[in-house]
């Protein structure tokens, strides 16, 4: 299951997640990872994917330019359990 920043369920589809990121709360969390939009300036955004820390491993963060949502989605689904 995935949830938005308000705790409401988001369908596990790239279209639904991208819509939530760009037009909704700006963040989606799954079990083991999160993806959100980071605003760099007025006209530039990027997608940030964060893997939750596991035991002694620190969290991992990967950033993608706004035109690379498919790559961000792929990394997010790879990290979600």
PDB file of N, CA and C in Angstrom:
ATOM      1  N   UNK A   1       0.834  -1.177   0.000  1.00  0.00           N
ATOM      2  CA  UNK A   1       0.000   0.000   0.000  1.00  0.00           C
ATOM      3  C   UNK A   1       0.879   1.240   0.000  1.00  0.00           C
ATOM      4  N   UNK A   2       0.359   2.285  -0.632  1.00  0.00           N
ATOM      5  CA  UNK A   2       1.046   3.564  -0.663  1.00  0.00           C
ATOM      6  C   UNK A   2       0.101   4.640  -0.144  1.00  0.00           C
ATOM      7  N   UNK A   3       0.693   5.644   0.498  1.00  0.00           N
ATOM      8  CA  UNK A   3      -0.090   6.721   1.090  1.00  0.00           C
ATOM      9  C   UNK A   3       0.499   8.067   0.710  1.00  0.00           C
ATOM     10  N   UNK A   4      -0.381   9.074   0.605  1.00  0.00           N
ATOM     11  CA  UNK A   4       0.100  10.419   0.325  1.00  0.00           C
ATOM     12  C   UNK A   4       0.471  11.118   1.626  1.00  0.00           C
ATOM     13  N   UNK A   5       0.854  12.374   1.529  1.00  0.00           N
ATOM     14  CA  UNK A   5       1.268  13.136   2.705  1.00  0.00           C
ATOM     15  C   UNK A   5       0.168  13.344   3.727  1.00  0.00           C
ATOM     16  N   UNK A   6      -1.100  13.173   3.326  1.00  0.00           N
ATOM     17  CA  UNK A   6      -2.224  13.296   4.250  1.00  0.00           C
ATOM     18  C   UNK A   6      -2.651  11.957   4.842  1.00  0.00           C
ATOM     19  N   UNK A   7      -1.979  10.870   4.449  1.00  0.00           N
ATOM     20  CA  UNK A   7      -2.315   9.550   4.964  1.00  0.00           C
ATOM     21  C   UNK A   7      -3.381   8.824   4.174  1.00  0.00           C
ATOM     22  N   UNK A   8      -3.788   9.375   3.033  1.00  0.00           N
ATOM     23  CA  UNK A   8      -4.796   8.718   2.198  1.00  0.00           C
ATOM     24  C   UNK A   8      -4.118   7.763   1.222  1.00  0.00           C
ATOM     25  N   UNK A   9      -4.785   6.656   0.947  1.00  0.00           N
ATOM     26  CA  UNK A   9      -4.207   5.637   0.066  1.00  0.00           C
ATOM     27  C   UNK A   9      -4.093   6.150  -1.370  1.00  0.00           C
ATOM     28  N   UNK A  10      -2.975   5.810  -2.013  1.00  0.00           N
ATOM     29  CA  UNK A  10      -2.714   6.153  -3.410  1.00  0.00           C
ATOM     30  C   UNK A  10      -2.556   4.840  -4.173  1.00  0.00           C
ATOM     31  N   UNK A  11      -3.242   4.682  -5.311  1.00  0.00           N
ATOM     32  CA  UNK A  11      -3.084   3.456  -6.105  1.00  0.00           C
ATOM     33  C   UNK A  11      -1.626   3.273  -6.549  1.00  0.00           C
ATOM     34  N   UNK A  12      -1.204   2.020  -6.640  1.00  0.00           N
ATOM     35  CA  UNK A  12       0.175   1.731  -7.030  1.00  0.00           C
ATOM     36  C   UNK A  12       0.277   1.719  -8.560  1.00  0.00           C
ATOM     37  N   UNK A  13       0.210   2.899  -9.141  1.00  0.00           N
ATOM     38  CA  UNK A  13       0.373   3.042 -10.584  1.00  0.00           C
ATOM     39  C   UNK A  13       1.200   4.297 -10.831  1.00  0.00           C
ATOM     40  N   UNK A  14       2.023   4.295 -11.869  1.00  0.00           N
ATOM     41  CA  UNK A  14       2.854   5.468 -12.129  1.00  0.00           C
ATOM     42  C   UNK A  14       2.015   6.723 -12.376  1.00  0.00           C
ATOM     43  N   UNK A  15       0.889   6.580 -13.063  1.00  0.00           N
ATOM     44  CA  UNK A  15       0.038   7.736 -13.341  1.00  0.00           C
ATOM     45  C   UNK A  15      -0.503   8.341 -12.048  1.00  0.00           C
ATOM     46  N   UNK A  16      -1.020   7.505 -11.159  1.00  0.00           N
ATOM     47  CA  UNK A  16      -1.602   7.987  -9.901  1.00  0.00           C
ATOM     48  C   UNK A  16      -0.548   8.641  -9.012  1.00  0.00           C
ATOM     49  N   UNK A  17       0.639   8.044  -8.964  1.00  0.00           N
ATOM     50  CA  UNK A  17       1.703   8.599  -8.121  1.00  0.00           C
ATOM     51  C   UNK A  17       2.190   9.926  -8.697  1.00  0.00           C
ATOM     52  N   UNK A  18       2.399   9.991 -10.009  1.00  0.00           N
ATOM     53  CA  UNK A  18       2.853  11.248 -10.616  1.00  0.00           C
ATOM     54  C   UNK A  18       1.816  12.357 -10.406  1.00  0.00           C
ATOM     55  N   UNK A  19       0.549  12.016 -10.539  1.00  0.00           N
ATOM     56  CA  UNK A  19      -0.521  12.989 -10.315  1.00  0.00           C
ATOM     57  C   UNK A  19      -0.498  13.484  -8.867  1.00  0.00           C
ATOM     58  N   UNK A  20      -0.308  12.586  -7.918  1.00  0.00           N
ATOM     59  CA  UNK A  20      -0.250  12.966  -6.503  1.00  0.00           C
ATOM     60  C   UNK A  20       0.958  13.860  -6.227  1.00  0.00           C
ATOM     61  N   UNK A  21       2.087  13.537  -6.849  1.00  0.00           N
ATOM     62  CA  UNK A  21       3.292  14.330  -6.638  1.00  0.00           C
ATOM     63  C   UNK A  21       3.150  15.742  -7.201  1.00  0.00           C
ATOM     64  N   UNK A  22       2.568  15.859  -8.385  1.00  0.00           N
ATOM     65  CA  UNK A  22       2.513  17.154  -9.054  1.00  0.00           C
ATOM     66  C   UNK A  22       1.276  17.983  -8.704  1.00  0.00           C
ATOM     67  N   UNK A  23       0.159  17.325  -8.400  1.00  0.00           N
ATOM     68  CA  UNK A  23      -1.083  18.058  -8.163  1.00  0.00           C
ATOM     69  C   UNK A  23      -1.686  17.834  -6.787  1.00  0.00           C
ATOM     70  N   UNK A  24      -1.090  16.953  -6.011  1.00  0.00           N
ATOM     71  CA  UNK A  24      -1.643  16.629  -4.692  1.00  0.00           C
ATOM     72  C   UNK A  24      -0.739  17.116  -3.579  1.00  0.00           C
ATOM     73  N   UNK A  25      -0.428  16.220  -2.662  1.00  0.00           N
ATOM     74  CA  UNK A  25       0.369  16.591  -1.490  1.00  0.00           C
ATOM     75  C   UNK A  25       1.854  16.732  -1.795  1.00  0.00           C
ATOM     76  N   UNK A  26       2.313  16.175  -2.927  1.00  0.00           N
ATOM     77  CA  UNK A  26       3.727  16.276  -3.283  1.00  0.00           C
ATOM     78  C   UNK A  26       4.574  15.156  -2.735  1.00  0.00           C
ATOM     79  N   UNK A  27       3.953  14.177  -2.062  1.00  0.00           N
ATOM     80  CA  UNK A  27       4.731  13.059  -1.530  1.00  0.00           C
ATOM     81  C   UNK A  27       3.895  11.790  -1.489  1.00  0.00           C
ATOM     82  N   UNK A  28       4.583  10.660  -1.676  1.00  0.00           N
ATOM     83  CA  UNK A  28       3.957   9.346  -1.587  1.00  0.00           C
ATOM     84  C   UNK A  28       4.922   8.447  -0.820  1.00  0.00           C
ATOM     85  N   UNK A  29       4.382   7.708   0.146  1.00  0.00           N
ATOM     86  CA  UNK A  29       5.184   6.803   0.958  1.00  0.00           C
ATOM     87  C   UNK A  29       4.710   5.379   0.789  1.00  0.00           C
ATOM     88  N   UNK A  30       5.664   4.474   0.690  1.00  0.00           N
ATOM     89  CA  UNK A  30       5.376   3.050   0.650  1.00  0.00           C
ATOM     90  C   UNK A  30       6.181   2.371   1.736  1.00  0.00           C
ATOM     91  N   UNK A  31       6.061   1.072   1.843  1.00  0.00           N
ATOM     92  CA  UNK A  31       6.804   0.322   2.850  1.00  0.00           C
ATOM     93  C   UNK A  31       8.268   0.229   2.427  1.00  0.00           C
ATOM     94  N   UNK A  32       9.112   1.023   3.035  1.00  0.00           N
ATOM     95  CA  UNK A  32      10.541   0.980   2.767  1.00  0.00           C
ATOM     96  C   UNK A  32      11.074   2.118   1.930  1.00  0.00           C
ATOM     97  N   UNK A  33      10.198   2.966   1.365  1.00  0.00           N
ATOM     98  CA  UNK A  33      10.669   4.063   0.529  1.00  0.00           C
ATOM     99  C   UNK A  33       9.636   5.172   0.448  1.00  0.00           C
ATOM    100  N   UNK A  34      10.097   6.330   0.020  1.00  0.00           N
ATOM    101  CA  UNK A  34       9.218   7.474  -0.203  1.00  0.00           C
ATOM    102  C   UNK A  34       9.692   8.215  -1.439  1.00  0.00           C
ATOM    103  N   UNK A  35       8.767   8.901  -2.093  1.00  0.00           N
ATOM    104  CA  UNK A  35       9.106   9.741  -3.237  1.00  0.00           C
ATOM    105  C   UNK A  35       8.398  11.071  -3.030  1.00  0.00           C
ATOM    106  N   UNK A  36       9.099  12.160  -3.335  1.00  0.00           N
ATOM    107  CA  UNK A  36       8.474  13.474  -3.194  1.00  0.00           C
ATOM    108  C   UNK A  36       9.059  14.439  -4.210  1.00  0.00           C
ATOM    109  N   UNK A  37       8.390  15.581  -4.355  1.00  0.00           N
ATOM    110  CA  UNK A  37       8.838  16.632  -5.257  1.00  0.00           C
ATOM    111  C   UNK A  37       9.574  17.675  -4.436  1.00  0.00           C
ATOM    112  N   UNK A  38      10.744  18.054  -4.914  1.00  0.00           N
ATOM    113  CA  UNK A  38      11.526  19.109  -4.275  1.00  0.00           C
ATOM    114  C   UNK A  38      11.578  20.289  -5.244  1.00  0.00           C
ATOM    115  N   UNK A  39      11.192  21.454  -4.773  1.00  0.00           N
ATOM    116  CA  UNK A  39      11.182  22.656  -5.600  1.00  0.00           C
ATOM    117  C   UNK A  39      12.545  23.340  -5.485  1.00  0.00           C
ATOM    118  N   UNK A  40      13.274  23.382  -6.603  1.00  0.00           N
ATOM    119  CA  UNK A  40      14.597  23.990  -6.604  1.00  0.00           C
ATOM    120  C   UNK A  40      14.512  25.507  -6.736  1.00  0.00           C
ATOM    121  N   UNK A  41      13.571  25.977  -7.552  1.00  0.00           N
ATOM    122  CA  UNK A  41      13.289  27.399  -7.689  1.00  0.00           C
ATOM    123  C   UNK A  41      11.882  27.538  -8.253  1.00  0.00           C
ATOM    124  N   UNK A  42      11.512  28.699  -8.715  1.00  0.00           N
ATOM    125  CA  UNK A  42      10.145  28.946  -9.164  1.00  0.00           C
ATOM    126  C   UNK A  42       9.740  28.036 -10.316  1.00  0.00           C
ATOM    127  N   UNK A  43      10.658  27.718 -11.208  1.00  0.00           N
ATOM    128  CA  UNK A  43      10.292  26.954 -12.401  1.00  0.00           C
ATOM    129  C   UNK A  43      10.924  25.570 -12.492  1.00  0.00           C
ATOM    130  N   UNK A  44      11.708  25.172 -11.513  1.00  0.00           N
ATOM    131  CA  UNK A  44      12.419  23.896 -11.605  1.00  0.00           C
ATOM    132  C   UNK A  44      12.140  23.010 -10.395  1.00  0.00           C
ATOM    133  N   UNK A  45      11.772  21.758 -10.689  1.00  0.00           N
ATOM    134  CA  UNK A  45      11.500  20.760  -9.651  1.00  0.00           C
ATOM    135  C   UNK A  45      12.354  19.532  -9.905  1.00  0.00           C
ATOM    136  N   UNK A  46      12.444  18.693  -8.898  1.00  0.00           N
ATOM    137  CA  UNK A  46      13.072  17.381  -9.082  1.00  0.00           C
ATOM    138  C   UNK A  46      12.337  16.368  -8.224  1.00  0.00           C
ATOM    139  N   UNK A  47      12.413  15.104  -8.643  1.00  0.00           N
ATOM    140  CA  UNK A  47      11.846  14.017  -7.869  1.00  0.00           C
ATOM    141  C   UNK A  47      12.934  13.446  -6.977  1.00  0.00           C
ATOM    142  N   UNK A  48      12.609  13.226  -5.716  1.00  0.00           N
ATOM    143  CA  UNK A  48      13.560  12.677  -4.754  1.00  0.00           C
ATOM    144  C   UNK A  48      12.992  11.361  -4.248  1.00  0.00           C
ATOM    145  N   UNK A  49      13.806  10.304  -4.322  1.00  0.00           N
ATOM    146  CA  UNK A  49      13.410   8.985  -3.835  1.00  0.00           C
ATOM    147  C   UNK A  49      14.320   8.647  -2.661  1.00  0.00           C
ATOM    148  N   UNK A  50      13.712   8.268  -1.541  1.00  0.00           N
ATOM    149  CA  UNK A  50      14.463   7.971  -0.322  1.00  0.00           C
ATOM    150  C   UNK A  50      14.149   6.555   0.124  1.00  0.00           C
ATOM    151  N   UNK A  51      15.193   5.776   0.352  1.00  0.00           N
ATOM    152  CA  UNK A  51      15.044   4.421   0.881  1.00  0.00           C
ATOM    153  C   UNK A  51      15.185   4.488   2.394  1.00  0.00           C
ATOM    154  N   UNK A  52      14.273   3.872   3.102  1.00  0.00           N
ATOM    155  CA  UNK A  52      14.306   3.873   4.566  1.00  0.00           C
ATOM    156  C   UNK A  52      15.565   3.178   5.074  1.00  0.00           C
ATOM    157  N   UNK A  53      16.094   3.655   6.204  1.00  0.00           N
ATOM    158  CA  UNK A  53      17.270   2.984   6.775  1.00  0.00           C
ATOM    159  C   UNK A  53      16.918   1.580   7.249  1.00  0.00           C
ATOM    160  N   UNK A  54      17.866   0.666   7.097  1.00  0.00           N
ATOM    161  CA  UNK A  54      17.692  -0.714   7.543  1.00  0.00           C
ATOM    162  C   UNK A  54      18.870  -1.066   8.439  1.00  0.00           C
ATOM    163  N   UNK A  55      18.556  -1.387   9.685  1.00  0.00           N
ATOM    164  CA  UNK A  55      19.563  -1.744  10.697  1.00  0.00           C
ATOM    165  C   UNK A  55      20.652  -0.685  10.736  1.00  0.00           C
ATOM    166  N   UNK A  56      21.887  -1.037  10.370  1.00  0.00           N
ATOM    167  CA  UNK A  56      23.006  -0.105  10.449  1.00  0.00           C
ATOM    168  C   UNK A  56      23.213   0.696   9.169  1.00  0.00           C
ATOM    169  N   UNK A  57      22.432   0.429   8.134  1.00  0.00           N
ATOM    170  CA  UNK A  57      22.569   1.151   6.875  1.00  0.00           C
ATOM    171  C   UNK A  57      21.802   2.475   6.937  1.00  0.00           C
ATOM    172  N   UNK A  58      22.450   3.584   6.587  1.00  0.00           N
ATOM    173  CA  UNK A  58      21.756   4.870   6.591  1.00  0.00           C
ATOM    174  C   UNK A  58      20.761   4.950   5.434  1.00  0.00           C
ATOM    175  N   UNK A  59      19.851   5.915   5.454  1.00  0.00           N
ATOM    176  CA  UNK A  59      18.916   6.060   4.333  1.00  0.00           C
ATOM    177  C   UNK A  59      19.663   6.423   3.054  1.00  0.00           C
ATOM    178  N   UNK A  60      19.149   5.974   1.928  1.00  0.00           N
ATOM    179  CA  UNK A  60      19.725   6.317   0.631  1.00  0.00           C
ATOM    180  C   UNK A  60      18.796   7.302  -0.042  1.00  0.00           C
ATOM    181  N   UNK A  61      19.372   8.285  -0.729  1.00  0.00           N
ATOM    182  CA  UNK A  61      18.586   9.293  -1.427  1.00  0.00           C
ATOM    183  C   UNK A  61      19.096   9.424  -2.855  1.00  0.00           C
ATOM    184  N   UNK A  62      18.166   9.422  -3.803  1.00  0.00           N
ATOM    185  CA  UNK A  62      18.501   9.612  -5.213  1.00  0.00           C
ATOM    186  C   UNK A  62      17.589  10.706  -5.754  1.00  0.00           C
ATOM    187  N   UNK A  63      18.186  11.646  -6.507  1.00  0.00           N
ATOM    188  CA  UNK A  63      17.419  12.756  -7.086  1.00  0.00           C
ATOM    189  C   UNK A  63      17.366  12.618  -8.604  1.00  0.00           C
ATOM    190  N   UNK A  64      16.199  12.962  -9.161  1.00  0.00           N
ATOM    191  CA  UNK A  64      15.982  12.874 -10.605  1.00  0.00           C
ATOM    192  C   UNK A  64      15.419  14.203 -11.102  1.00  0.00           C
ATOM    193  N   UNK A  65      15.888  14.709 -12.244  1.00  0.00           N
ATOM    194  CA  UNK A  65      15.278  15.908 -12.824  1.00  0.00           C
ATOM    195  C   UNK A  65      13.800  15.656 -13.109  1.00  0.00           C
ATOM    196  N   UNK A  66      13.017  16.711 -13.177  1.00  0.00           N
ATOM    197  CA  UNK A  66      11.572  16.580 -13.325  1.00  0.00           C
ATOM    198  C   UNK A  66      11.158  15.848 -14.598  1.00  0.00           C
ATOM    199  N   UNK A  67      11.975  15.845 -15.624  1.00  0.00           N
ATOM    200  CA  UNK A  67      11.621  15.140 -16.864  1.00  0.00           C
ATOM    201  C   UNK A  67      11.941  13.646 -16.805  1.00  0.00           C
ATOM    202  N   UNK A  68      12.476  13.157 -15.690  1.00  0.00           N
ATOM    203  CA  UNK A  68      12.824  11.740 -15.549  1.00  0.00           C
ATOM    204  C   UNK A  68      11.942  11.034 -14.520  1.00  0.00           C
ATOM    205  N   UNK A  69      10.633  11.271 -14.575  1.00  0.00           N
ATOM    206  CA  UNK A  69       9.742  10.610 -13.624  1.00  0.00           C
ATOM    207  C   UNK A  69       9.815   9.093 -13.759  1.00  0.00           C
ATOM    208  N   UNK A  70       9.905   8.584 -14.985  1.00  0.00           N
ATOM    209  CA  UNK A  70       9.937   7.125 -15.169  1.00  0.00           C
ATOM    210  C   UNK A  70      11.115   6.493 -14.442  1.00  0.00           C
ATOM    211  N   UNK A  71      12.270   7.140 -14.449  1.00  0.00           N
ATOM    212  CA  UNK A  71      13.432   6.624 -13.721  1.00  0.00           C
ATOM    213  C   UNK A  71      13.201   6.700 -12.213  1.00  0.00           C
ATOM    214  N   UNK A  72      12.597   7.791 -11.767  1.00  0.00           N
ATOM    215  CA  UNK A  72      12.292   7.932 -10.338  1.00  0.00           C
ATOM    216  C   UNK A  72      11.278   6.868  -9.902  1.00  0.00           C
ATOM    217  N   UNK A  73      10.252   6.637 -10.739  1.00  0.00           N
ATOM    218  CA  UNK A  73       9.238   5.621 -10.441  1.00  0.00           C
ATOM    219  C   UNK A  73       9.885   4.244 -10.358  1.00  0.00           C
ATOM    220  N   UNK A  74      10.786   3.941 -11.279  1.00  0.00           N
ATOM    221  CA  UNK A  74      11.451   2.639 -11.288  1.00  0.00           C
ATOM    222  C   UNK A  74      12.263   2.439 -10.009  1.00  0.00           C
ATOM    223  N   UNK A  75      13.005   3.452  -9.596  1.00  0.00           N
ATOM    224  CA  UNK A  75      13.806   3.344  -8.364  1.00  0.00           C
ATOM    225  C   UNK A  75      12.885   3.213  -7.149  1.00  0.00           C
ATOM    226  N   UNK A  76      11.805   3.977  -7.121  1.00  0.00           N
ATOM    227  CA  UNK A  76      10.857   3.907  -6.005  1.00  0.00           C
ATOM    228  C   UNK A  76      10.260   2.513  -5.877  1.00  0.00           C
ATOM    229  N   UNK A  77       9.780   1.943  -6.988  1.00  0.00           N
ATOM    230  CA  UNK A  77       9.175   0.615  -6.926  1.00  0.00           C
ATOM    231  C   UNK A  77      10.204  -0.472  -6.619  1.00  0.00           C
ATOM    232  N   UNK A  78      11.445  -0.241  -6.985  1.00  0.00           N
ATOM    233  CA  UNK A  78      12.518  -1.181  -6.638  1.00  0.00           C
ATOM    234  C   UNK A  78      12.736  -1.217  -5.130  1.00  0.00           C
ATOM    235  N   UNK A  79      12.629  -0.064  -4.495  1.00  0.00           N
ATOM    236  CA  UNK A  79      12.890   0.031  -3.062  1.00  0.00           C
ATOM    237  C   UNK A  79      11.681  -0.273  -2.197  1.00  0.00           C
ATOM    238  N   UNK A  80      10.466  -0.138  -2.733  1.00  0.00           N
ATOM    239  CA  UNK A  80       9.264  -0.446  -1.942  1.00  0.00           C
ATOM    240  C   UNK A  80       9.171  -1.956  -1.778  1.00  0.00           C
ATOM    241  N   UNK A  81       8.921  -2.400  -0.567  1.00  0.00           N
ATOM    242  CA  UNK A  81       8.861  -3.839  -0.282  1.00  0.00           C
ATOM    243  C   UNK A  81       7.529  -4.418  -0.697  1.00  0.00           C
TER     244      UNK A  81
END
